[in-house]
C-alpha atoms as a PDB file:
ATOM      1  CA  MET A   1     -16.420 285.683 -33.736  1.00  0.00           C
ATOM      2  CA  ILE A   2     -13.970 283.427 -35.562  1.00  0.00           C
ATOM      3  CA  LYS A   3     -14.209 279.889 -34.207  1.00  0.00           C
ATOM      4  CA  GLU A   4     -11.604 277.273 -33.440  1.00  0.00           C
ATOM      5  CA  GLY A   5     -10.779 275.252 -36.537  1.00  0.00           C
ATOM      6  CA  GLU A   6     -11.404 278.165 -38.922  1.00  0.00           C
ATOM      7  CA  LYS A   7      -8.763 279.851 -41.047  1.00  0.00           C
ATOM      8  CA  ALA A   8      -7.581 283.067 -39.431  1.00  0.00           C
ATOM      9  CA  PRO A   9      -8.207 286.128 -41.607  1.00  0.00           C
ATOM     10  CA  ASP A  10      -4.947 287.588 -42.873  1.00  0.00           C
ATOM     11  CA  PHE A  11      -4.306 291.255 -42.221  1.00  0.00           C
ATOM     12  CA  LYS A  12      -1.750 293.945 -42.909  1.00  0.00           C
ATOM     13  CA  LEU A  13      -1.655 296.720 -40.330  1.00  0.00           C
ATOM     14  CA  PRO A  14       0.706 299.529 -39.342  1.00  0.00           C
ATOM     15  CA  ALA A  15       2.795 298.552 -36.326  1.00  0.00           C
ATOM     16  CA  ASP A  16       4.446 300.502 -33.541  1.00  0.00           C
ATOM     17  CA  SER A  17       7.836 299.886 -35.169  1.00  0.00           C
ATOM     18  CA  GLY A  18       6.934 301.992 -38.211  1.00  0.00           C
ATOM     19  CA  SER A  19       6.637 298.909 -40.405  1.00  0.00           C
ATOM     20  CA  MET A  20       3.602 296.946 -41.474  1.00  0.00           C
ATOM     21  CA  VAL A  21       2.777 293.627 -39.824  1.00  0.00           C
ATOM     22  CA  SER A  22       0.701 290.830 -41.305  1.00  0.00           C
ATOM     23  CA  LEU A  23      -0.328 287.374 -40.221  1.00  0.00           C
ATOM     24  CA  SER A  24       1.405 285.910 -43.266  1.00  0.00           C
ATOM     25  CA  ASP A  25       4.724 287.296 -41.917  1.00  0.00           C
ATOM     26  CA  PHE A  26       4.513 284.536 -39.292  1.00  0.00           C
ATOM     27  CA  LYS A  27       3.707 281.574 -41.515  1.00  0.00           C
ATOM     28  CA  GLY A  28       5.262 278.482 -39.962  1.00  0.00           C
ATOM     29  CA  ARG A  29       4.994 279.913 -36.411  1.00  0.00           C
ATOM     30  CA  LYS A  30       2.222 280.032 -33.878  1.00  0.00           C
ATOM     31  CA  VAL A  31       0.732 283.469 -33.272  1.00  0.00           C
ATOM     32  CA  VAL A  32      -0.935 284.761 -30.132  1.00  0.00           C
ATOM     33  CA  LEU A  33      -3.154 287.556 -31.435  1.00  0.00           C
ATOM     34  CA  TYR A  34      -4.671 289.581 -28.629  1.00  0.00           C
ATOM     35  CA  PHE A  35      -7.141 292.438 -28.909  1.00  0.00           C
ATOM     36  CA  TYR A  36      -7.228 295.125 -26.242  1.00  0.00           C
ATOM     37  CA  PRO A  37      -9.196 298.368 -25.867  1.00  0.00           C
ATOM     38  CA  LYS A  38      -6.681 301.171 -25.226  1.00  0.00           C
ATOM     39  CA  ASP A  39      -2.980 301.839 -24.799  1.00  0.00           C
ATOM     40  CA  ASP A  40      -1.693 302.801 -21.357  1.00  0.00           C
ATOM     41  CA  THR A  41      -4.894 302.142 -19.404  1.00  0.00           C
ATOM     42  CA  PRO A  42      -4.839 300.017 -16.238  1.00  0.00           C
ATOM     43  CA  GLY A  43      -6.220 296.705 -17.574  1.00  0.00           C
ATOM     44  CA  CYS A  44      -4.480 296.951 -20.926  1.00  0.00           C
ATOM     45  CA  THR A  45      -1.171 297.773 -19.266  1.00  0.00           C
ATOM     46  CA  LYS A  46      -1.475 294.757 -16.940  1.00  0.00           C
ATOM     47  CA  GLU A  47      -2.257 292.512 -19.895  1.00  0.00           C
ATOM     48  CA  ALA A  48       0.571 293.861 -22.074  1.00  0.00           C
ATOM     49  CA  CYS A  49       3.096 293.627 -19.235  1.00  0.00           C
ATOM     50  CA  SER A  50       2.058 290.045 -18.498  1.00  0.00           C
ATOM     51  CA  PHE A  51       2.721 289.144 -22.140  1.00  0.00           C
ATOM     52  CA  ARG A  52       6.021 291.055 -21.925  1.00  0.00           C
ATOM     53  CA  ASP A  53       7.100 289.229 -18.774  1.00  0.00           C
ATOM     54  CA  ALA A  54       6.325 285.853 -20.360  1.00  0.00           C
ATOM     55  CA  ASN A  55       7.696 286.696 -23.805  1.00  0.00           C
ATOM     56  CA  SER A  56      10.696 284.358 -23.554  1.00  0.00           C
ATOM     57  CA  LEU A  57       8.331 281.490 -22.663  1.00  0.00           C
ATOM     58  CA  PHE A  58       6.168 282.268 -25.695  1.00  0.00           C
ATOM     59  CA  MET A  59       9.294 282.289 -27.852  1.00  0.00           C
ATOM     60  CA  GLU A  60      10.364 278.909 -26.412  1.00  0.00           C
ATOM     61  CA  LYS A  61       6.982 277.551 -27.508  1.00  0.00           C
ATOM     62  CA  GLY A  62       7.509 278.967 -31.007  1.00  0.00           C
ATOM     63  CA  ALA A  63       4.796 281.601 -30.644  1.00  0.00           C
ATOM     64  CA  ALA A  64       4.885 285.256 -31.629  1.00  0.00           C
ATOM     65  CA  VAL A  65       2.678 287.739 -29.762  1.00  0.00           C
ATOM     66  CA  ILE A  66       0.828 290.555 -31.540  1.00  0.00           C
ATOM     67  CA  GLY A  67      -1.365 293.072 -29.729  1.00  0.00           C
ATOM     68  CA  VAL A  68      -4.062 294.929 -31.671  1.00  0.00           C
ATOM     69  CA  SER A  69      -6.140 297.959 -30.727  1.00  0.00           C
ATOM     70  CA  GLY A  70      -7.754 300.912 -32.442  1.00  0.00           C
ATOM     71  CA  ASP A  71      -5.052 303.284 -31.209  1.00  0.00           C
ATOM     72  CA  ASP A  72      -2.783 304.839 -33.810  1.00  0.00           C
ATOM     73  CA  ARG A  73       0.859 303.969 -34.458  1.00  0.00           C
ATOM     74  CA  ASP A  74       2.219 306.876 -32.387  1.00  0.00           C
ATOM     75  CA  SER A  75       0.179 305.834 -29.357  1.00  0.00           C
ATOM     76  CA  HIS A  76       1.430 302.260 -29.761  1.00  0.00           C
ATOM     77  CA  LYS A  77       5.037 303.421 -29.993  1.00  0.00           C
ATOM     78  CA  LYS A  78       4.730 305.436 -26.759  1.00  0.00           C
ATOM     79  CA  PHE A  79       3.049 302.480 -25.010  1.00  0.00           C
ATOM     80  CA  ARG A  80       5.720 300.059 -26.253  1.00  0.00           C
ATOM     81  CA  ASP A  81       8.560 302.344 -25.205  1.00  0.00           C
ATOM     82  CA  LYS A  82       7.092 303.168 -21.779  1.00  0.00           C
ATOM     83  CA  TYR A  83       6.684 299.488 -20.839  1.00  0.00           C
ATOM     84  CA  ASN A  84       9.492 297.970 -22.944  1.00  0.00           C
ATOM     85  CA  LEU A  85       7.104 295.706 -24.853  1.00  0.00           C
ATOM     86  CA  PRO A  86       9.064 293.246 -27.044  1.00  0.00           C
ATOM     87  CA  PHE A  87       6.265 292.360 -29.498  1.00  0.00           C
ATOM     88  CA  TYR A  88       4.309 294.127 -32.223  1.00  0.00           C
ATOM     89  CA  LEU A  89       1.413 296.414 -31.414  1.00  0.00           C
ATOM     90  CA  ALA A  90      -0.702 296.754 -34.540  1.00  0.00           C
ATOM     91  CA  SER A  91      -3.005 299.670 -35.245  1.00  0.00           C
ATOM     92  CA  ASP A  92      -6.527 298.995 -36.531  1.00  0.00           C
ATOM     93  CA  THR A  93      -7.984 302.516 -36.457  1.00  0.00           C
ATOM     94  CA  ASP A  94     -10.932 301.662 -38.728  1.00  0.00           C
ATOM     95  CA  HIS A  95     -11.644 298.424 -36.796  1.00  0.00           C
ATOM     96  CA  LYS A  96     -11.984 296.377 -40.012  1.00  0.00           C
ATOM     97  CA  MET A  97      -9.497 293.736 -38.927  1.00  0.00           C
ATOM     98  CA  MET A  98     -11.050 293.499 -35.469  1.00  0.00           C
ATOM     99  CA  GLU A  99     -14.461 293.082 -37.134  1.00  0.00           C
ATOM    100  CA  SER A 100     -13.096 290.229 -39.271  1.00  0.00           C
ATOM    101  CA  TYR A 101     -12.167 288.359 -36.079  1.00  0.00           C
ATOM    102  CA  GLY A 102     -15.353 289.301 -34.233  1.00  0.00           C
ATOM    103  CA  ALA A 103     -13.427 291.411 -31.733  1.00  0.00           C
ATOM    104  CA  TRP A 104     -15.370 294.611 -32.415  1.00  0.00           C
ATOM    105  CA  ASP A 105     -18.994 295.395 -31.564  1.00  0.00           C
ATOM    106  CA  GLY A 106     -18.818 299.177 -31.376  1.00  0.00           C
ATOM    107  CA  LYS A 107     -15.967 298.766 -28.909  1.00  0.00           C
ATOM    108  CA  THR A 108     -13.039 296.383 -28.675  1.00  0.00           C
ATOM    109  CA  ILE A 109     -13.843 292.983 -27.221  1.00  0.00           C
ATOM    110  CA  ARG A 110     -10.819 291.985 -25.146  1.00  0.00           C
ATOM    111  CA  SER A 111     -10.134 288.591 -26.709  1.00  0.00           C
ATOM    112  CA  THR A 112      -7.275 286.389 -27.856  1.00  0.00           C
ATOM    113  CA  PHE A 113      -6.805 283.964 -30.727  1.00  0.00           C
ATOM    114  CA  ILE A 114      -4.066 281.356 -30.918  1.00  0.00           C
ATOM    115  CA  ILE A 115      -3.245 280.606 -34.527  1.00  0.00           C
ATOM    116  CA  ASP A 116      -1.193 277.583 -35.560  1.00  0.00           C
ATOM    117  CA  GLU A 117       1.666 277.369 -38.045  1.00  0.00           C
ATOM    118  CA  LYS A 118      -0.779 276.843 -40.943  1.00  0.00           C
ATOM    119  CA  GLY A 119      -2.969 279.833 -40.125  1.00  0.00           C
ATOM    120  CA  ILE A 120      -5.772 277.927 -38.394  1.00  0.00           C
ATOM    121  CA  VAL A 121      -7.321 279.248 -35.177  1.00  0.00           C
ATOM    122  CA  ILE A 122      -6.698 276.551 -32.583  1.00  0.00           C
ATOM    123  CA  LYS A 123      -7.927 278.380 -29.478  1.00  0.00           C
ATOM    124  CA  VAL A 124     -10.215 281.330 -28.802  1.00  0.00           C
ATOM    125  CA  PHE A 125     -10.379 283.189 -25.510  1.00  0.00           C
ATOM    126  CA  PRO A 126     -13.567 285.216 -26.167  1.00  0.00           C
ATOM    127  CA  ARG A 127     -13.515 287.546 -23.140  1.00  0.00           C
ATOM    128  CA  VAL A 128     -10.442 287.646 -20.993  1.00  0.00           C
ATOM    129  CA  ASN A 129      -9.326 288.831 -17.582  1.00  0.00           C
ATOM    130  CA  PRO A 130      -6.174 290.918 -18.158  1.00  0.00           C
ATOM    131  CA  GLU A 131      -4.791 290.000 -14.727  1.00  0.00           C
ATOM    132  CA  ASN A 132      -3.773 286.403 -15.507  1.00  0.00           C
ATOM    133  CA  HIS A 133      -4.412 286.051 -19.190  1.00  0.00           C
ATOM    134  CA  ALA A 134      -0.836 285.462 -20.377  1.00  0.00           C
ATOM    135  CA  ASP A 135      -0.625 282.531 -17.937  1.00  0.00           C
ATOM    136  CA  ASP A 136      -3.837 281.063 -19.366  1.00  0.00           C
ATOM    137  CA  VAL A 137      -2.444 281.323 -22.901  1.00  0.00           C
ATOM    138  CA  LEU A 138       0.852 279.724 -21.868  1.00  0.00           C
ATOM    139  CA  LYS A 139      -0.983 276.848 -20.185  1.00  0.00           C
ATOM    140  CA  TYR A 140      -2.830 276.188 -23.433  1.00  0.00           C
ATOM    141  CA  LEU A 141       0.353 276.263 -25.515  1.00  0.00           C
END
Protein backbone atom coordinates (compact mmCIF):
# COMPACT_ATOMS: atom_id res chain seq x y z
CA MET A 1 0.00 0.00 0.00
CA ILE A 2 1.20 3.51 -0.80
CA LYS A 3 2.52 5.18 2.35
CA GLU A 4 2.21 8.69 3.70
CA GLY A 5 4.92 10.92 2.27
CA GLU A 6 5.06 9.05 -1.06
CA LYS A 7 4.07 10.49 -4.42
CA ALA A 8 0.58 9.38 -5.39
CA PRO A 9 0.51 7.40 -8.64
CA ASP A 10 -1.21 9.36 -11.39
CA PHE A 11 -4.07 7.68 -13.20
CA LYS A 12 -6.51 8.29 -16.01
CA LEU A 13 -9.80 6.44 -15.68
CA PRO A 14 -13.26 6.61 -17.23
CA ALA A 15 -15.68 8.46 -14.97
CA ASP A 16 -19.42 8.32 -14.45
CA SER A 17 -19.77 11.62 -16.32
CA GLY A 18 -18.60 10.07 -19.59
CA SER A 19 -15.27 11.89 -19.40
CA MET A 20 -11.90 10.71 -18.20
CA VAL A 21 -10.60 11.73 -14.79
CA SER A 22 -6.98 11.86 -13.70
CA LEU A 23 -5.14 12.87 -10.58
CA SER A 24 -3.25 15.51 -12.55
CA ASP A 25 -6.61 17.22 -13.28
CA PHE A 26 -6.57 18.29 -9.62
CA LYS A 27 -3.03 19.63 -9.37
CA GLY A 28 -3.02 22.46 -6.85
CA ARG A 29 -5.96 20.96 -4.89
CA LYS A 30 -6.21 18.33 -2.23
CA VAL A 31 -7.82 15.07 -3.32
CA VAL A 32 -9.70 12.57 -1.19
CA LEU A 33 -9.35 9.34 -3.16
CA TYR A 34 -11.52 6.59 -1.75
CA PHE A 35 -11.73 2.99 -2.90
CA TYR A 36 -14.93 1.03 -2.40
CA PRO A 37 -16.04 -2.48 -3.42
CA LYS A 38 -19.36 -2.14 -5.28
CA ASP A 39 -21.92 0.41 -6.41
CA ASP A 40 -25.31 0.45 -4.71
CA THR A 41 -24.52 -2.01 -1.91
CA PRO A 42 -25.33 -1.15 1.71
CA GLY A 43 -21.86 -0.19 3.01
CA CYS A 44 -20.77 1.51 -0.19
CA THR A 45 -23.99 3.49 -0.36
CA LYS A 46 -23.57 4.68 3.25
CA GLU A 47 -19.99 5.72 2.52
CA ALA A 48 -20.85 7.51 -0.74
CA CYS A 49 -23.81 9.32 0.83
CA SER A 50 -21.67 10.45 3.76
CA PHE A 51 -19.18 11.97 1.31
CA ARG A 52 -22.11 13.51 -0.58
CA ASP A 53 -23.61 15.02 2.57
CA ALA A 54 -20.25 16.54 3.54
CA ASN A 55 -19.26 17.61 0.02
CA SER A 56 -19.61 21.35 0.70
CA LEU A 57 -17.30 20.97 3.72
CA PHE A 58 -14.72 19.17 1.58
CA MET A 59 -14.97 21.96 -0.98
CA GLU A 60 -14.47 24.58 1.77
CA LYS A 61 -11.25 22.77 2.69
CA GLY A 62 -10.13 22.84 -0.95
CA ALA A 63 -10.49 19.09 -1.41
CA ALA A 64 -12.03 17.19 -4.30
CA VAL A 65 -13.51 13.73 -3.68
CA ILE A 66 -13.07 10.85 -6.13
CA GLY A 67 -14.55 7.40 -5.57
CA VAL A 68 -13.01 4.40 -7.34
CA SER A 69 -14.29 0.86 -7.77
CA GLY A 70 -14.09 -1.92 -10.32
CA ASP A 71 -17.63 -1.26 -11.54
CA ASP A 72 -18.05 0.02 -15.08
CA ARG A 73 -19.00 3.54 -16.12
CA ASP A 74 -22.70 2.70 -16.61
CA SER A 75 -22.96 1.26 -13.11
CA HIS A 76 -21.28 4.38 -11.71
CA LYS A 77 -23.66 6.65 -13.60
CA LYS A 78 -26.72 4.83 -12.21
CA PHE A 79 -25.25 4.94 -8.68
CA ARG A 80 -24.43 8.65 -9.00
CA ASP A 81 -27.88 9.50 -10.34
CA LYS A 82 -29.77 7.40 -7.78
CA TYR A 83 -28.03 9.06 -4.82
CA ASN A 84 -27.25 12.47 -6.36
CA LEU A 85 -23.51 12.09 -5.82
CA PRO A 86 -21.70 15.37 -6.63
CA PHE A 87 -18.20 13.94 -7.18
CA TYR A 88 -16.49 11.70 -9.72
CA LEU A 89 -16.84 7.94 -9.59
CA ALA A 90 -13.97 6.44 -11.56
CA SER A 91 -14.03 2.99 -13.12
CA ASP A 92 -11.02 0.70 -12.69
CA THR A 93 -12.35 -2.51 -14.25
CA ASP A 94 -8.91 -4.10 -14.63
CA HIS A 95 -7.89 -3.07 -11.08
CA LYS A 96 -4.50 -1.75 -12.25
CA MET A 97 -4.93 1.64 -10.62
CA MET A 98 -6.19 0.07 -7.39
CA GLU A 99 -3.14 -2.23 -7.44
CA SER A 100 -0.83 0.79 -7.81
CA TYR A 101 -2.25 2.20 -4.56
CA GLY A 102 -2.33 -1.15 -2.78
CA ALA A 103 -6.12 -1.13 -2.65
CA TRP A 104 -6.55 -4.46 -4.46
CA ASP A 105 -5.68 -7.94 -3.22
CA GLY A 106 -8.08 -10.00 -5.31
CA LYS A 107 -10.86 -7.78 -4.01
CA THR A 108 -11.14 -4.08 -3.30
CA ILE A 109 -9.68 -2.96 0.00
CA ARG A 110 -11.97 -0.21 1.29
CA SER A 111 -9.36 2.50 1.86
CA THR A 112 -8.83 6.22 1.44
CA PHE A 113 -5.85 8.37 0.51
CA ILE A 114 -5.62 12.10 1.08
CA ILE A 115 -3.33 13.67 -1.47
CA ASP A 116 -1.98 17.19 -1.11
CA GLU A 117 -1.75 19.95 -3.71
CA LYS A 118 1.65 18.65 -4.91
CA GLY A 119 0.53 15.06 -5.38
CA ILE A 120 1.97 13.66 -2.14
CA VAL A 121 -0.03 11.24 -0.01
CA ILE A 122 -0.44 12.95 3.35
CA LYS A 123 -2.83 10.51 5.02
CA VAL A 124 -3.79 6.87 4.49
CA PHE A 125 -6.87 5.25 5.97
CA PRO A 126 -5.99 1.59 5.22
CA ARG A 127 -9.28 -0.10 6.17
CA VAL A 128 -12.28 2.05 6.86
CA ASN A 129 -15.70 1.83 8.45
CA PRO A 130 -18.16 3.25 5.90
CA GLU A 131 -20.51 4.45 8.65
CA ASN A 132 -18.46 7.44 9.84
CA HIS A 133 -15.59 7.60 7.42
CA ALA A 134 -16.34 10.98 5.82
CA ASP A 135 -16.29 12.52 9.31
CA ASP A 136 -12.89 10.96 10.00
CA VAL A 137 -11.52 12.39 6.75
CA LEU A 138 -12.94 15.84 7.51
CA LYS A 139 -11.39 15.79 10.99
CA TYR A 140 -8.01 15.10 9.43
CA LEU A 141 -8.37 17.90 6.87
